[in-house]
PDB file of all heavy atoms in Angstrom:
ATOM      1  N   SER A   1      -4.836  17.460 -12.883  1.00  0.00           N
ATOM      2  CA  SER A   1      -4.879  16.789 -14.097  1.00  0.00           C
ATOM      3  C   SER A   1      -4.414  15.422 -13.947  1.00  0.00           C
ATOM      4  O   SER A   1      -3.714  15.014 -12.979  1.00  0.00           O
ATOM      5  CB  SER A   1      -3.949  17.497 -15.122  1.00  0.00           C
ATOM      6  OG  SER A   1      -2.640  17.416 -14.653  1.00  0.00           O
ATOM      7  N   VAL A   2      -4.863  14.517 -14.893  1.00  0.00           N
ATOM      8  CA  VAL A   2      -4.532  13.142 -14.822  1.00  0.00           C
ATOM      9  C   VAL A   2      -3.118  12.931 -15.305  1.00  0.00           C
ATOM     10  O   VAL A   2      -2.752  13.372 -16.462  1.00  0.00           O
ATOM     11  CB  VAL A   2      -5.523  12.283 -15.638  1.00  0.00           C
ATOM     12  CG1 VAL A   2      -5.120  10.853 -15.635  1.00  0.00           C
ATOM     13  CG2 VAL A   2      -6.910  12.496 -15.141  1.00  0.00           C
ATOM     14  N   ASN A   3      -2.199  12.354 -14.511  1.00  0.00           N
ATOM     15  CA  ASN A   3      -0.855  12.099 -15.029  1.00  0.00           C
ATOM     16  C   ASN A   3      -0.630  10.552 -15.117  1.00  0.00           C
ATOM     17  O   ASN A   3      -1.509   9.815 -14.749  1.00  0.00           O
ATOM     18  CB  ASN A   3       0.175  12.795 -14.065  1.00  0.00           C
ATOM     19  CG  ASN A   3       0.087  12.356 -12.607  1.00  0.00           C
ATOM     20  OD1 ASN A   3      -0.227  11.124 -12.316  1.00  0.00           O
ATOM     21  ND2 ASN A   3       0.253  13.183 -11.691  1.00  0.00           N
ATOM     22  N   GLN A   4       0.518  10.212 -15.529  1.00  0.00           N
ATOM     23  CA  GLN A   4       0.818   8.801 -15.675  1.00  0.00           C
ATOM     24  C   GLN A   4       0.684   7.994 -14.453  1.00  0.00           C
ATOM     25  O   GLN A   4       0.379   6.784 -14.438  1.00  0.00           O
ATOM     26  CB  GLN A   4       2.195   8.596 -16.327  1.00  0.00           C
ATOM     27  CG  GLN A   4       2.322   9.116 -17.743  1.00  0.00           C
ATOM     28  CD  GLN A   4       1.568   8.302 -18.596  1.00  0.00           C
ATOM     29  OE1 GLN A   4       0.300   8.516 -18.817  1.00  0.00           O
ATOM     30  NE2 GLN A   4       2.117   7.278 -19.343  1.00  0.00           N
ATOM     31  N   LYS A   5       0.939   8.551 -13.265  1.00  0.00           N
ATOM     32  CA  LYS A   5       0.982   7.812 -11.991  1.00  0.00           C
ATOM     33  C   LYS A   5      -0.425   7.753 -11.290  1.00  0.00           C
ATOM     34  O   LYS A   5      -0.573   6.986 -10.377  1.00  0.00           O
ATOM     35  CB  LYS A   5       2.011   8.399 -11.038  1.00  0.00           C
ATOM     36  CG  LYS A   5       3.402   8.340 -11.588  1.00  0.00           C
ATOM     37  CD  LYS A   5       4.399   8.959 -10.586  1.00  0.00           C
ATOM     38  CE  LYS A   5       5.760   9.002 -11.168  1.00  0.00           C
ATOM     39  NZ  LYS A   5       6.685   9.708 -10.288  1.00  0.00           N
ATOM     40  N   SER A   6      -1.354   8.473 -11.766  1.00  0.00           N
ATOM     41  CA  SER A   6      -2.647   8.573 -11.118  1.00  0.00           C
ATOM     42  C   SER A   6      -3.422   7.310 -11.258  1.00  0.00           C
ATOM     43  O   SER A   6      -3.820   6.985 -12.344  1.00  0.00           O
ATOM     44  CB  SER A   6      -3.474   9.733 -11.566  1.00  0.00           C
ATOM     45  OG  SER A   6      -2.782  10.950 -11.383  1.00  0.00           O
ATOM     46  N   THR A   7      -3.625   6.571 -10.230  1.00  0.00           N
ATOM     47  CA  THR A   7      -4.487   5.363 -10.230  1.00  0.00           C
ATOM     48  C   THR A   7      -5.487   5.379  -9.202  1.00  0.00           C
ATOM     49  O   THR A   7      -6.246   4.275  -9.037  1.00  0.00           O
ATOM     50  CB  THR A   7      -3.659   4.021 -10.069  1.00  0.00           C
ATOM     51  OG1 THR A   7      -2.918   4.150  -8.816  1.00  0.00           O
ATOM     52  CG2 THR A   7      -2.572   3.957 -11.214  1.00  0.00           C
ATOM     53  N   ALA A   8      -5.710   6.429  -8.488  1.00  0.00           N
ATOM     54  CA  ALA A   8      -6.743   6.474  -7.455  1.00  0.00           C
ATOM     55  C   ALA A   8      -7.718   7.632  -7.642  1.00  0.00           C
ATOM     56  O   ALA A   8      -7.313   8.743  -8.180  1.00  0.00           O
ATOM     57  CB  ALA A   8      -6.008   6.698  -6.105  1.00  0.00           C
ATOM     58  N   LEU A   9      -8.891   7.391  -7.378  1.00  0.00           N
ATOM     59  CA  LEU A   9      -9.987   8.398  -7.507  1.00  0.00           C
ATOM     60  C   LEU A   9     -10.690   8.688  -6.210  1.00  0.00           C
ATOM     61  O   LEU A   9     -10.883   7.737  -5.429  1.00  0.00           O
ATOM     62  CB  LEU A   9     -10.995   7.909  -8.566  1.00  0.00           C
ATOM     63  CG  LEU A   9     -10.528   7.731 -10.033  1.00  0.00           C
ATOM     64  CD1 LEU A   9     -11.534   6.913 -10.800  1.00  0.00           C
ATOM     65  CD2 LEU A   9     -10.298   9.027 -10.618  1.00  0.00           C
ATOM     66  N   PHE A  10     -11.093   9.860  -6.022  1.00  0.00           N
ATOM     67  CA  PHE A  10     -11.901  10.279  -4.809  1.00  0.00           C
ATOM     68  C   PHE A  10     -13.301  10.424  -5.389  1.00  0.00           C
ATOM     69  O   PHE A  10     -13.599  11.041  -6.379  1.00  0.00           O
ATOM     70  CB  PHE A  10     -11.443  11.581  -4.345  1.00  0.00           C
ATOM     71  CG  PHE A  10     -12.422  12.170  -3.260  1.00  0.00           C
ATOM     72  CD1 PHE A  10     -12.247  11.635  -1.915  1.00  0.00           C
ATOM     73  CD2 PHE A  10     -13.410  12.995  -3.551  1.00  0.00           C
ATOM     74  CE1 PHE A  10     -13.177  12.130  -0.970  1.00  0.00           C
ATOM     75  CE2 PHE A  10     -14.288  13.461  -2.575  1.00  0.00           C
ATOM     76  CZ  PHE A  10     -14.144  12.971  -1.317  1.00  0.00           C
ATOM     77  N   ILE A  11     -14.193   9.672  -4.676  1.00  0.00           N
ATOM     78  CA  ILE A  11     -15.640   9.709  -5.106  1.00  0.00           C
ATOM     79  C   ILE A  11     -16.406  10.327  -3.923  1.00  0.00           C
ATOM     80  O   ILE A  11     -16.337   9.881  -2.845  1.00  0.00           O
ATOM     81  CB  ILE A  11     -16.186   8.294  -5.369  1.00  0.00           C
ATOM     82  CG1 ILE A  11     -15.221   7.345  -6.130  1.00  0.00           C
ATOM     83  CG2 ILE A  11     -17.593   8.389  -5.888  1.00  0.00           C
ATOM     84  CD1 ILE A  11     -14.941   8.003  -7.557  1.00  0.00           C
ATOM     85  N   GLY A  12     -17.088  11.402  -4.212  1.00  0.00           N
ATOM     86  CA  GLY A  12     -17.844  12.178  -3.117  1.00  0.00           C
ATOM     87  C   GLY A  12     -19.251  12.257  -3.433  1.00  0.00           C
ATOM     88  O   GLY A  12     -19.694  12.139  -4.539  1.00  0.00           O
ATOM     89  N   GLY A  13     -20.106  12.542  -2.412  1.00  0.00           N
ATOM     90  CA  GLY A  13     -21.527  12.760  -2.590  1.00  0.00           C
ATOM     91  C   GLY A  13     -22.302  11.436  -2.783  1.00  0.00           C
ATOM     92  O   GLY A  13     -23.357  11.410  -3.355  1.00  0.00           O
ATOM     93  N   LEU A  14     -21.795  10.366  -2.211  1.00  0.00           N
ATOM     94  CA  LEU A  14     -22.453   9.011  -2.300  1.00  0.00           C
ATOM     95  C   LEU A  14     -23.628   9.090  -1.342  1.00  0.00           C
ATOM     96  O   LEU A  14     -23.670   9.757  -0.397  1.00  0.00           O
ATOM     97  CB  LEU A  14     -21.532   7.942  -1.903  1.00  0.00           C
ATOM     98  CG  LEU A  14     -20.306   7.726  -2.777  1.00  0.00           C
ATOM     99  CD1 LEU A  14     -19.258   6.892  -2.087  1.00  0.00           C
ATOM    100  CD2 LEU A  14     -20.674   7.236  -4.146  1.00  0.00           C
ATOM    101  N   LEU A  15     -24.605   8.126  -1.514  1.00  0.00           N
ATOM    102  CA  LEU A  15     -25.665   7.921  -0.577  1.00  0.00           C
ATOM    103  C   LEU A  15     -25.064   7.084   0.556  1.00  0.00           C
ATOM    104  O   LEU A  15     -24.044   6.338   0.377  1.00  0.00           O
ATOM    105  CB  LEU A  15     -26.787   7.170  -1.187  1.00  0.00           C
ATOM    106  CG  LEU A  15     -27.557   7.918  -2.306  1.00  0.00           C
ATOM    107  CD1 LEU A  15     -28.590   6.979  -2.939  1.00  0.00           C
ATOM    108  CD2 LEU A  15     -28.206   9.175  -1.763  1.00  0.00           C
ATOM    109  N   GLU A  16     -25.666   7.105   1.754  1.00  0.00           N
ATOM    110  CA  GLU A  16     -25.213   6.386   2.905  1.00  0.00           C
ATOM    111  C   GLU A  16     -25.301   4.923   2.698  1.00  0.00           C
ATOM    112  O   GLU A  16     -24.607   4.093   3.306  1.00  0.00           O
ATOM    113  CB  GLU A  16     -25.930   6.830   4.205  1.00  0.00           C
ATOM    114  CG  GLU A  16     -25.346   6.497   5.412  1.00  0.00           C
ATOM    115  CD  GLU A  16     -25.941   7.108   6.624  1.00  0.00           C
ATOM    116  OE1 GLU A  16     -26.079   8.370   6.693  1.00  0.00           O
ATOM    117  OE2 GLU A  16     -26.289   6.366   7.621  1.00  0.00           O
ATOM    118  N   THR A  17     -26.173   4.553   1.813  1.00  0.00           N
ATOM    119  CA  THR A  17     -26.410   3.107   1.553  1.00  0.00           C
ATOM    120  C   THR A  17     -25.474   2.583   0.534  1.00  0.00           C
ATOM    121  O   THR A  17     -25.494   1.294   0.240  1.00  0.00           O
ATOM    122  CB  THR A  17     -27.883   2.916   1.040  1.00  0.00           C
ATOM    123  OG1 THR A  17     -28.090   3.676  -0.110  1.00  0.00           O
ATOM    124  CG2 THR A  17     -28.926   3.248   2.151  1.00  0.00           C
ATOM    125  N   THR A  18     -24.578   3.275  -0.096  1.00  0.00           N
ATOM    126  CA  THR A  18     -23.698   2.810  -1.134  1.00  0.00           C
ATOM    127  C   THR A  18     -22.632   1.895  -0.527  1.00  0.00           C
ATOM    128  O   THR A  18     -22.097   2.240   0.578  1.00  0.00           O
ATOM    129  CB  THR A  18     -23.004   4.014  -1.799  1.00  0.00           C
ATOM    130  OG1 THR A  18     -24.005   4.853  -2.363  1.00  0.00           O
ATOM    131  CG2 THR A  18     -22.074   3.455  -2.958  1.00  0.00           C
ATOM    132  N   THR A  19     -22.470   0.669  -1.111  1.00  0.00           N
ATOM    133  CA  THR A  19     -21.557  -0.292  -0.614  1.00  0.00           C
ATOM    134  C   THR A  19     -20.232  -0.195  -1.534  1.00  0.00           C
ATOM    135  O   THR A  19     -20.338   0.116  -2.691  1.00  0.00           O
ATOM    136  CB  THR A  19     -22.171  -1.643  -0.579  1.00  0.00           C
ATOM    137  OG1 THR A  19     -22.401  -2.075  -1.884  1.00  0.00           O
ATOM    138  CG2 THR A  19     -23.390  -1.690   0.236  1.00  0.00           C
ATOM    139  N   PRO A  20     -19.165  -0.826  -0.984  1.00  0.00           N
ATOM    140  CA  PRO A  20     -17.916  -0.985  -1.888  1.00  0.00           C
ATOM    141  C   PRO A  20     -18.254  -1.912  -3.102  1.00  0.00           C
ATOM    142  O   PRO A  20     -17.668  -1.641  -4.218  1.00  0.00           O
ATOM    143  CB  PRO A  20     -16.920  -1.704  -0.946  1.00  0.00           C
ATOM    144  CG  PRO A  20     -17.384  -1.303   0.350  1.00  0.00           C
ATOM    145  CD  PRO A  20     -18.819  -1.161   0.340  1.00  0.00           C
ATOM    146  N   GLU A  21     -19.086  -2.930  -2.974  1.00  0.00           N
ATOM    147  CA  GLU A  21     -19.453  -3.678  -4.134  1.00  0.00           C
ATOM    148  C   GLU A  21     -20.149  -2.960  -5.227  1.00  0.00           C
ATOM    149  O   GLU A  21     -19.904  -3.122  -6.408  1.00  0.00           O
ATOM    150  CB  GLU A  21     -20.294  -4.915  -3.636  1.00  0.00           C
ATOM    151  CG  GLU A  21     -19.607  -5.932  -2.716  1.00  0.00           C
ATOM    152  CD  GLU A  21     -19.486  -5.355  -1.287  1.00  0.00           C
ATOM    153  OE1 GLU A  21     -20.255  -4.472  -0.816  1.00  0.00           O
ATOM    154  OE2 GLU A  21     -18.647  -5.968  -0.581  1.00  0.00           O
ATOM    155  N   MET A  22     -21.047  -2.036  -4.845  1.00  0.00           N
ATOM    156  CA  MET A  22     -21.710  -1.229  -5.822  1.00  0.00           C
ATOM    157  C   MET A  22     -20.725  -0.334  -6.659  1.00  0.00           C
ATOM    158  O   MET A  22     -20.827  -0.137  -7.813  1.00  0.00           O
ATOM    159  CB  MET A  22     -22.759  -0.270  -5.150  1.00  0.00           C
ATOM    160  CG  MET A  22     -23.895  -1.006  -4.595  1.00  0.00           C
ATOM    161  SD  MET A  22     -24.971   0.342  -3.688  1.00  0.00           S
ATOM    162  CE  MET A  22     -26.254  -0.764  -3.064  1.00  0.00           C
ATOM    163  N   LEU A  23     -19.746   0.232  -5.854  1.00  0.00           N
ATOM    164  CA  LEU A  23     -18.780   1.059  -6.510  1.00  0.00           C
ATOM    165  C   LEU A  23     -17.888   0.229  -7.420  1.00  0.00           C
ATOM    166  O   LEU A  23     -17.559   0.649  -8.572  1.00  0.00           O
ATOM    167  CB  LEU A  23     -17.900   1.761  -5.467  1.00  0.00           C
ATOM    168  CG  LEU A  23     -18.731   2.822  -4.651  1.00  0.00           C
ATOM    169  CD1 LEU A  23     -17.792   3.319  -3.513  1.00  0.00           C
ATOM    170  CD2 LEU A  23     -19.112   3.887  -5.516  1.00  0.00           C
ATOM    171  N   THR A  24     -17.445  -0.970  -6.987  1.00  0.00           N
ATOM    172  CA  THR A  24     -16.623  -1.830  -7.841  1.00  0.00           C
ATOM    173  C   THR A  24     -17.415  -2.195  -9.082  1.00  0.00           C
ATOM    174  O   THR A  24     -16.853  -2.136 -10.193  1.00  0.00           O
ATOM    175  CB  THR A  24     -16.196  -3.093  -7.013  1.00  0.00           C
ATOM    176  OG1 THR A  24     -15.481  -2.745  -5.868  1.00  0.00           O
ATOM    177  CG2 THR A  24     -15.371  -4.025  -7.881  1.00  0.00           C
ATOM    178  N   ASN A  25     -18.683  -2.619  -8.932  1.00  0.00           N
ATOM    179  CA  ASN A  25     -19.477  -3.030 -10.150  1.00  0.00           C
ATOM    180  C   ASN A  25     -19.631  -1.771 -11.048  1.00  0.00           C
ATOM    181  O   ASN A  25     -19.474  -1.998 -12.324  1.00  0.00           O
ATOM    182  CB  ASN A  25     -20.822  -3.478  -9.689  1.00  0.00           C
ATOM    183  CG  ASN A  25     -20.796  -4.751  -8.981  1.00  0.00           C
ATOM    184  OD1 ASN A  25     -19.788  -5.577  -9.144  1.00  0.00           O
ATOM    185  ND2 ASN A  25     -21.821  -5.131  -8.220  1.00  0.00           N
ATOM    186  N   TYR A  26     -19.851  -0.615 -10.546  1.00  0.00           N
ATOM    187  CA  TYR A  26     -19.972   0.567 -11.471  1.00  0.00           C
ATOM    188  C   TYR A  26     -18.733   0.901 -12.183  1.00  0.00           C
ATOM    189  O   TYR A  26     -18.749   1.036 -13.399  1.00  0.00           O
ATOM    190  CB  TYR A  26     -20.537   1.783 -10.674  1.00  0.00           C
ATOM    191  CG  TYR A  26     -20.673   3.004 -11.543  1.00  0.00           C
ATOM    192  CD1 TYR A  26     -21.772   3.128 -12.372  1.00  0.00           C
ATOM    193  CD2 TYR A  26     -19.605   3.991 -11.600  1.00  0.00           C
ATOM    194  CE1 TYR A  26     -21.843   4.302 -13.184  1.00  0.00           C
ATOM    195  CE2 TYR A  26     -19.771   5.053 -12.415  1.00  0.00           C
ATOM    196  CZ  TYR A  26     -20.932   5.217 -13.226  1.00  0.00           C
ATOM    197  OH  TYR A  26     -20.975   6.249 -14.082  1.00  0.00           O
TER     198      TYR A  26
END
């Protein structure tokens, strides 16, 4: 569950071509 301290997310199942900039923009 999301608690007050949670500020990080795990993102899985990305394409191999996904860049950090794409994730930041999204």
